[in-house]
Each structure stands twice: as C-alpha cells, then as structure tokens.
Amino acid sequence: MIIVKVVVVIVVVVVVVVVVVVVVVVVGLVVGVVVVVVVVVVVIVVRRPALWPSGKDTRSEIGRYGFDPRPSQTKEFKIGISS
C-alpha cells in the first residue's frame, strides 16, 4: 500500500511539473508575440511618412539630412535642354 501511495505522489508531482512548464512556455510565447507585434506597430506608426510618403510629410528632408537628398529634377532638365 505504501508503494502505491509513493507511485501516486510521484505521478501527481510529475504531472503538476509538466503542466506548470507547459503553461509557462505558452504564456512566454504569447507575451513574446504580443511584444513583437506592438513593437512592429509602433515602428510603422512612427516611421509612416518615410514608408508611405503621402505628400504631407511634416518632417523636412533638408532639416533631417542637412541637405536635400532628393535629386533636383529641374537641374537635370535644364542640363538636358542646354546640351
């Protein structure tokens, strides 16, 4: 009878440990996925003008880089006409 009680206690302890480990792993994965999704959404919202230029970019390109990185189409057009 003592052997049966010991076996039952061991089985219960093993089952409880396995359940706790599975719950911790699942909760960790869910929290990790939520954190990744939140970070991606924040980055997309913050960087939206750079990703999808809507013509209403409030950030000045000249102020951002110290010079305008976009090529001037008018200079190339004038050079094309003069040559």
C-alpha atoms as a PDB file:
ATOM      1  CA  MET A   1       0.000   0.000   0.000  1.00  0.00           C
ATOM      2  CA  ILE A   2       2.875   2.360   0.751  1.00  0.00           C
ATOM      3  CA  ILE A   3       4.375   1.668  -2.678  1.00  0.00           C
ATOM      4  CA  VAL A   4       1.088   2.603  -4.358  1.00  0.00           C
ATOM      5  CA  LYS A   5       0.946   5.889  -2.399  1.00  0.00           C
ATOM      6  CA  VAL A   6       4.541   6.730  -3.345  1.00  0.00           C
ATOM      7  CA  VAL A   7       3.850   5.997  -7.017  1.00  0.00           C
ATOM      8  CA  VAL A   8       0.686   8.129  -6.937  1.00  0.00           C
ATOM      9  CA  VAL A   9       2.562  11.017  -5.294  1.00  0.00           C
ATOM     10  CA  ILE A  10       5.372  10.778  -7.870  1.00  0.00           C
ATOM     11  CA  VAL A  11       2.875  10.720 -10.767  1.00  0.00           C
ATOM     12  CA  VAL A  12       0.977  13.713  -9.362  1.00  0.00           C
ATOM     13  CA  VAL A  13       4.212  15.694  -8.869  1.00  0.00           C
ATOM     14  CA  VAL A  14       5.384  14.890 -12.407  1.00  0.00           C
ATOM     15  CA  VAL A  15       2.013  15.868 -13.900  1.00  0.00           C
ATOM     16  CA  VAL A  16       1.957  19.150 -11.940  1.00  0.00           C
ATOM     17  CA  VAL A  17       5.537  19.991 -13.007  1.00  0.00           C
ATOM     18  CA  VAL A  18       4.755  19.228 -16.658  1.00  0.00           C
ATOM     19  CA  VAL A  19       1.577  21.352 -16.559  1.00  0.00           C
ATOM     20  CA  VAL A  20       3.432  24.271 -14.928  1.00  0.00           C
ATOM     21  CA  VAL A  21       6.241  24.094 -17.511  1.00  0.00           C
ATOM     22  CA  VAL A  22       3.767  23.973 -20.410  1.00  0.00           C
ATOM     23  CA  VAL A  23       1.799  26.935 -19.023  1.00  0.00           C
ATOM     24  CA  VAL A  24       4.994  28.977 -18.514  1.00  0.00           C
ATOM     25  CA  VAL A  25       6.194  28.223 -22.049  1.00  0.00           C
ATOM     26  CA  VAL A  26       2.827  29.065 -23.626  1.00  0.00           C
ATOM     27  CA  VAL A  27       2.488  32.297 -21.637  1.00  0.00           C
ATOM     28  CA  GLY A  28       6.066  33.227 -22.588  1.00  0.00           C
ATOM     29  CA  LEU A  29       5.370  32.639 -26.271  1.00  0.00           C
ATOM     30  CA  VAL A  30       2.150  34.665 -26.156  1.00  0.00           C
ATOM     31  CA  VAL A  31       3.873  37.551 -24.358  1.00  0.00           C
ATOM     32  CA  GLY A  32       6.756  37.420 -26.862  1.00  0.00           C
ATOM     33  CA  VAL A  33       4.401  37.539 -29.848  1.00  0.00           C
ATOM     34  CA  VAL A  34       2.443  40.433 -28.305  1.00  0.00           C
ATOM     35  CA  VAL A  35       5.660  42.382 -27.647  1.00  0.00           C
ATOM     36  CA  VAL A  36       6.870  41.833 -31.231  1.00  0.00           C
ATOM     37  CA  VAL A  37       3.507  42.911 -32.681  1.00  0.00           C
ATOM     38  CA  VAL A  38       3.420  46.047 -30.500  1.00  0.00           C
ATOM     39  CA  VAL A  39       6.989  46.996 -31.474  1.00  0.00           C
ATOM     40  CA  VAL A  40       6.261  46.497 -35.193  1.00  0.00           C
ATOM     41  CA  VAL A  41       3.075  48.579 -34.987  1.00  0.00           C
ATOM     42  CA  VAL A  42       4.858  51.384 -33.109  1.00  0.00           C
ATOM     43  CA  VAL A  43       7.718  51.412 -35.631  1.00  0.00           C
ATOM     44  CA  ILE A  44       5.267  51.513 -38.556  1.00  0.00           C
ATOM     45  CA  VAL A  45       3.250  54.342 -36.982  1.00  0.00           C
ATOM     46  CA  VAL A  46       6.364  56.374 -36.113  1.00  0.00           C
ATOM     47  CA  ARG A  47       8.057  55.814 -39.486  1.00  0.00           C
ATOM     48  CA  ARG A  48       4.895  56.152 -41.620  1.00  0.00           C
ATOM     49  CA  PRO A  49       5.990  59.275 -43.566  1.00  0.00           C
ATOM     50  CA  ALA A  50       9.225  57.526 -44.528  1.00  0.00           C
ATOM     51  CA  LEU A  51       7.469  54.296 -45.523  1.00  0.00           C
ATOM     52  CA  TRP A  52       4.412  55.712 -47.254  1.00  0.00           C
ATOM     53  CA  PRO A  53       5.031  59.270 -48.431  1.00  0.00           C
ATOM     54  CA  SER A  54       1.586  60.800 -48.599  1.00  0.00           C
ATOM     55  CA  GLY A  55       2.708  64.213 -49.800  1.00  0.00           C
ATOM     56  CA  LYS A  56       2.076  65.578 -46.318  1.00  0.00           C
ATOM     57  CA  ASP A  57       5.420  64.722 -44.741  1.00  0.00           C
ATOM     58  CA  THR A  58       5.734  67.100 -41.821  1.00  0.00           C
ATOM     59  CA  ARG A  59       9.424  66.347 -41.410  1.00  0.00           C
ATOM     60  CA  SER A  60      11.613  68.496 -43.636  1.00  0.00           C
ATOM     61  CA  GLU A  61      14.064  66.463 -45.689  1.00  0.00           C
ATOM     62  CA  ILE A  62      16.550  69.336 -45.613  1.00  0.00           C
ATOM     63  CA  GLY A  63      16.312  69.622 -41.830  1.00  0.00           C
ATOM     64  CA  ARG A  64      16.692  65.884 -41.451  1.00  0.00           C
ATOM     65  CA  TYR A  65      19.849  65.420 -43.506  1.00  0.00           C
ATOM     66  CA  GLY A  66      21.348  68.917 -43.584  1.00  0.00           C
ATOM     67  CA  PHE A  67      20.797  68.881 -47.351  1.00  0.00           C
ATOM     68  CA  ASP A  68      18.032  67.775 -49.653  1.00  0.00           C
ATOM     69  CA  PRO A  69      18.852  64.147 -50.559  1.00  0.00           C
ATOM     70  CA  ARG A  70      16.296  64.064 -53.356  1.00  0.00           C
ATOM     71  CA  PRO A  71      17.785  64.763 -56.779  1.00  0.00           C
ATOM     72  CA  SER A  72      16.705  68.024 -58.280  1.00  0.00           C
ATOM     73  CA  GLN A  73      14.726  67.269 -61.417  1.00  0.00           C
ATOM     74  CA  THR A  74      14.928  70.871 -62.607  1.00  0.00           C
ATOM     75  CA  LYS A  75      18.748  70.826 -62.820  1.00  0.00           C
ATOM     76  CA  GLU A  76      18.743  67.629 -64.873  1.00  0.00           C
ATOM     77  CA  PHE A  77      16.004  69.041 -67.074  1.00  0.00           C
ATOM     78  CA  LYS A  78      17.943  72.256 -67.703  1.00  0.00           C
ATOM     79  CA  ILE A  79      21.147  70.317 -68.431  1.00  0.00           C
ATOM     80  CA  GLY A  80      19.229  68.145 -70.890  1.00  0.00           C
ATOM     81  CA  ILE A  81      17.904  71.191 -72.737  1.00  0.00           C
ATOM     82  CA  SER A  82      21.229  73.054 -72.846  1.00  0.00           C
ATOM     83  CA  SER A  83      23.066  70.099 -74.340  1.00  0.00           C
END
